[in-house]
């Protein structure tokens, strides 16, 4: 199976969605290398970066599901390295 490394950048503007976001990230936990969350209290938002190593369609599926959450913005940056596992 071919996998890629990517970073999913997430900005959460509505704190009510945090629980649903965490549930999604937990669901894809086997692929997550690490994550970092920064609360930006001055602006009332949370900034989250998730490093992931997964098949392309899995990364796209997770990004799409996150992007459908209300009050959440997401962008994904992909590494050019493709590995066979």
C-alpha atoms as a PDB file:
ATOM      1  CA  UNK A   1       0.000   0.000   0.000  1.00  0.00           C
ATOM      2  CA  UNK A   2       1.354   3.411  -0.968  1.00  0.00           C
ATOM      3  CA  UNK A   3       1.322   6.098   1.714  1.00  0.00           C
ATOM      4  CA  UNK A   4       2.153   9.784   1.784  1.00  0.00           C
ATOM      5  CA  UNK A   5       3.140  12.115   4.553  1.00  0.00           C
ATOM      6  CA  UNK A   6       1.019  15.233   4.889  1.00  0.00           C
ATOM      7  CA  UNK A   7       0.258  18.024   7.315  1.00  0.00           C
ATOM      8  CA  UNK A   8      -3.377  18.927   7.870  1.00  0.00           C
ATOM      9  CA  UNK A   9      -3.796  22.499   9.125  1.00  0.00           C
ATOM     10  CA  UNK A  10      -7.042  23.216  10.932  1.00  0.00           C
ATOM     11  CA  UNK A  11      -8.542  26.446  12.280  1.00  0.00           C
ATOM     12  CA  UNK A  12     -11.496  26.038  14.613  1.00  0.00           C
ATOM     13  CA  UNK A  13     -13.665  29.135  14.973  1.00  0.00           C
ATOM     14  CA  UNK A  14     -16.615  27.486  16.783  1.00  0.00           C
ATOM     15  CA  UNK A  15     -15.659  25.686  19.973  1.00  0.00           C
ATOM     16  CA  UNK A  16     -18.833  23.538  19.819  1.00  0.00           C
ATOM     17  CA  UNK A  17     -17.199  21.502  17.031  1.00  0.00           C
ATOM     18  CA  UNK A  18     -14.077  20.553  18.997  1.00  0.00           C
ATOM     19  CA  UNK A  19     -15.600  17.347  20.365  1.00  0.00           C
ATOM     20  CA  UNK A  20     -16.649  16.176  16.895  1.00  0.00           C
ATOM     21  CA  UNK A  21     -13.222  17.104  15.488  1.00  0.00           C
ATOM     22  CA  UNK A  22     -11.448  15.145  18.226  1.00  0.00           C
ATOM     23  CA  UNK A  23     -13.693  12.167  17.498  1.00  0.00           C
ATOM     24  CA  UNK A  24     -12.704  12.271  13.817  1.00  0.00           C
ATOM     25  CA  UNK A  25      -9.014  12.515  14.667  1.00  0.00           C
ATOM     26  CA  UNK A  26      -9.372   9.577  17.056  1.00  0.00           C
ATOM     27  CA  UNK A  27     -11.042   7.553  14.273  1.00  0.00           C
ATOM     28  CA  UNK A  28      -7.961   8.092  12.058  1.00  0.00           C
ATOM     29  CA  UNK A  29      -5.517   7.726  14.953  1.00  0.00           C
ATOM     30  CA  UNK A  30      -3.636   4.775  13.458  1.00  0.00           C
ATOM     31  CA  UNK A  31      -2.323   7.091  10.705  1.00  0.00           C
ATOM     32  CA  UNK A  32      -1.536  10.153  12.819  1.00  0.00           C
ATOM     33  CA  UNK A  33       2.151  10.752  13.525  1.00  0.00           C
ATOM     34  CA  UNK A  34       1.504  13.655  15.879  1.00  0.00           C
ATOM     35  CA  UNK A  35      -0.595  16.720  16.441  1.00  0.00           C
ATOM     36  CA  UNK A  36      -0.204  20.150  17.983  1.00  0.00           C
ATOM     37  CA  UNK A  37      -2.974  22.444  19.112  1.00  0.00           C
ATOM     38  CA  UNK A  38      -2.596  26.112  19.946  1.00  0.00           C
ATOM     39  CA  UNK A  39      -5.453  28.052  21.524  1.00  0.00           C
ATOM     40  CA  UNK A  40      -5.341  31.648  20.307  1.00  0.00           C
ATOM     41  CA  UNK A  41      -7.437  33.163  23.085  1.00  0.00           C
ATOM     42  CA  UNK A  42      -7.080  36.746  21.854  1.00  0.00           C
ATOM     43  CA  UNK A  43      -8.953  35.819  18.652  1.00  0.00           C
ATOM     44  CA  UNK A  44     -11.119  33.078  20.177  1.00  0.00           C
ATOM     45  CA  UNK A  45      -9.883  30.370  17.795  1.00  0.00           C
ATOM     46  CA  UNK A  46      -7.852  27.166  17.951  1.00  0.00           C
ATOM     47  CA  UNK A  47      -5.073  26.339  15.504  1.00  0.00           C
ATOM     48  CA  UNK A  48      -4.288  22.643  15.043  1.00  0.00           C
ATOM     49  CA  UNK A  49      -1.621  20.905  12.935  1.00  0.00           C
ATOM     50  CA  UNK A  50      -1.831  17.161  12.333  1.00  0.00           C
ATOM     51  CA  UNK A  51       1.053  15.194  10.781  1.00  0.00           C
ATOM     52  CA  UNK A  52      -0.226  12.059   9.064  1.00  0.00           C
ATOM     53  CA  UNK A  53       1.219   9.115   7.104  1.00  0.00           C
ATOM     54  CA  UNK A  54      -1.583   7.385   5.195  1.00  0.00           C
ATOM     55  CA  UNK A  55      -2.837   6.430   1.742  1.00  0.00           C
ATOM     56  CA  UNK A  56      -3.802   9.447  -0.380  1.00  0.00           C
ATOM     57  CA  UNK A  57      -7.526   8.613  -0.284  1.00  0.00           C
ATOM     58  CA  UNK A  58      -7.475   8.317   3.518  1.00  0.00           C
ATOM     59  CA  UNK A  59      -5.863  11.748   3.901  1.00  0.00           C
ATOM     60  CA  UNK A  60      -8.373  13.256   1.464  1.00  0.00           C
ATOM     61  CA  UNK A  61     -11.294  11.593   3.256  1.00  0.00           C
ATOM     62  CA  UNK A  62     -10.198  12.929   6.652  1.00  0.00           C
ATOM     63  CA  UNK A  63      -9.606  16.440   5.285  1.00  0.00           C
ATOM     64  CA  UNK A  64     -13.005  16.416   3.603  1.00  0.00           C
ATOM     65  CA  UNK A  65     -14.798  15.263   6.733  1.00  0.00           C
ATOM     66  CA  UNK A  66     -13.045  17.926   8.813  1.00  0.00           C
ATOM     67  CA  UNK A  67     -13.889  20.595   6.225  1.00  0.00           C
ATOM     68  CA  UNK A  68     -17.603  19.790   6.516  1.00  0.00           C
ATOM     69  CA  UNK A  69     -17.629  20.667  10.219  1.00  0.00           C
ATOM     70  CA  UNK A  70     -19.320  23.995  10.901  1.00  0.00           C
ATOM     71  CA  UNK A  71     -16.898  26.765  11.824  1.00  0.00           C
ATOM     72  CA  UNK A  72     -13.797  24.782  10.798  1.00  0.00           C
ATOM     73  CA  UNK A  73     -11.320  25.591   8.003  1.00  0.00           C
ATOM     74  CA  UNK A  74      -8.840  22.987   6.750  1.00  0.00           C
ATOM     75  CA  UNK A  75      -5.935  22.861   4.288  1.00  0.00           C
ATOM     76  CA  UNK A  76      -3.624  19.943   3.557  1.00  0.00           C
ATOM     77  CA  UNK A  77       0.014  20.080   2.401  1.00  0.00           C
ATOM     78  CA  UNK A  78       1.403  16.849   0.917  1.00  0.00           C
ATOM     79  CA  UNK A  79       4.971  15.599   0.828  1.00  0.00           C
ATOM     80  CA  UNK A  80       6.232  14.497  -2.579  1.00  0.00           C
ATOM     81  CA  UNK A  81       7.561  11.284  -1.027  1.00  0.00           C
ATOM     82  CA  UNK A  82       5.410   8.218  -1.683  1.00  0.00           C
ATOM     83  CA  UNK A  83       6.326   5.054   0.242  1.00  0.00           C
ATOM     84  CA  UNK A  84       5.248   1.451  -0.172  1.00  0.00           C
ATOM     85  CA  UNK A  85       4.489  -0.326   3.073  1.00  0.00           C
END
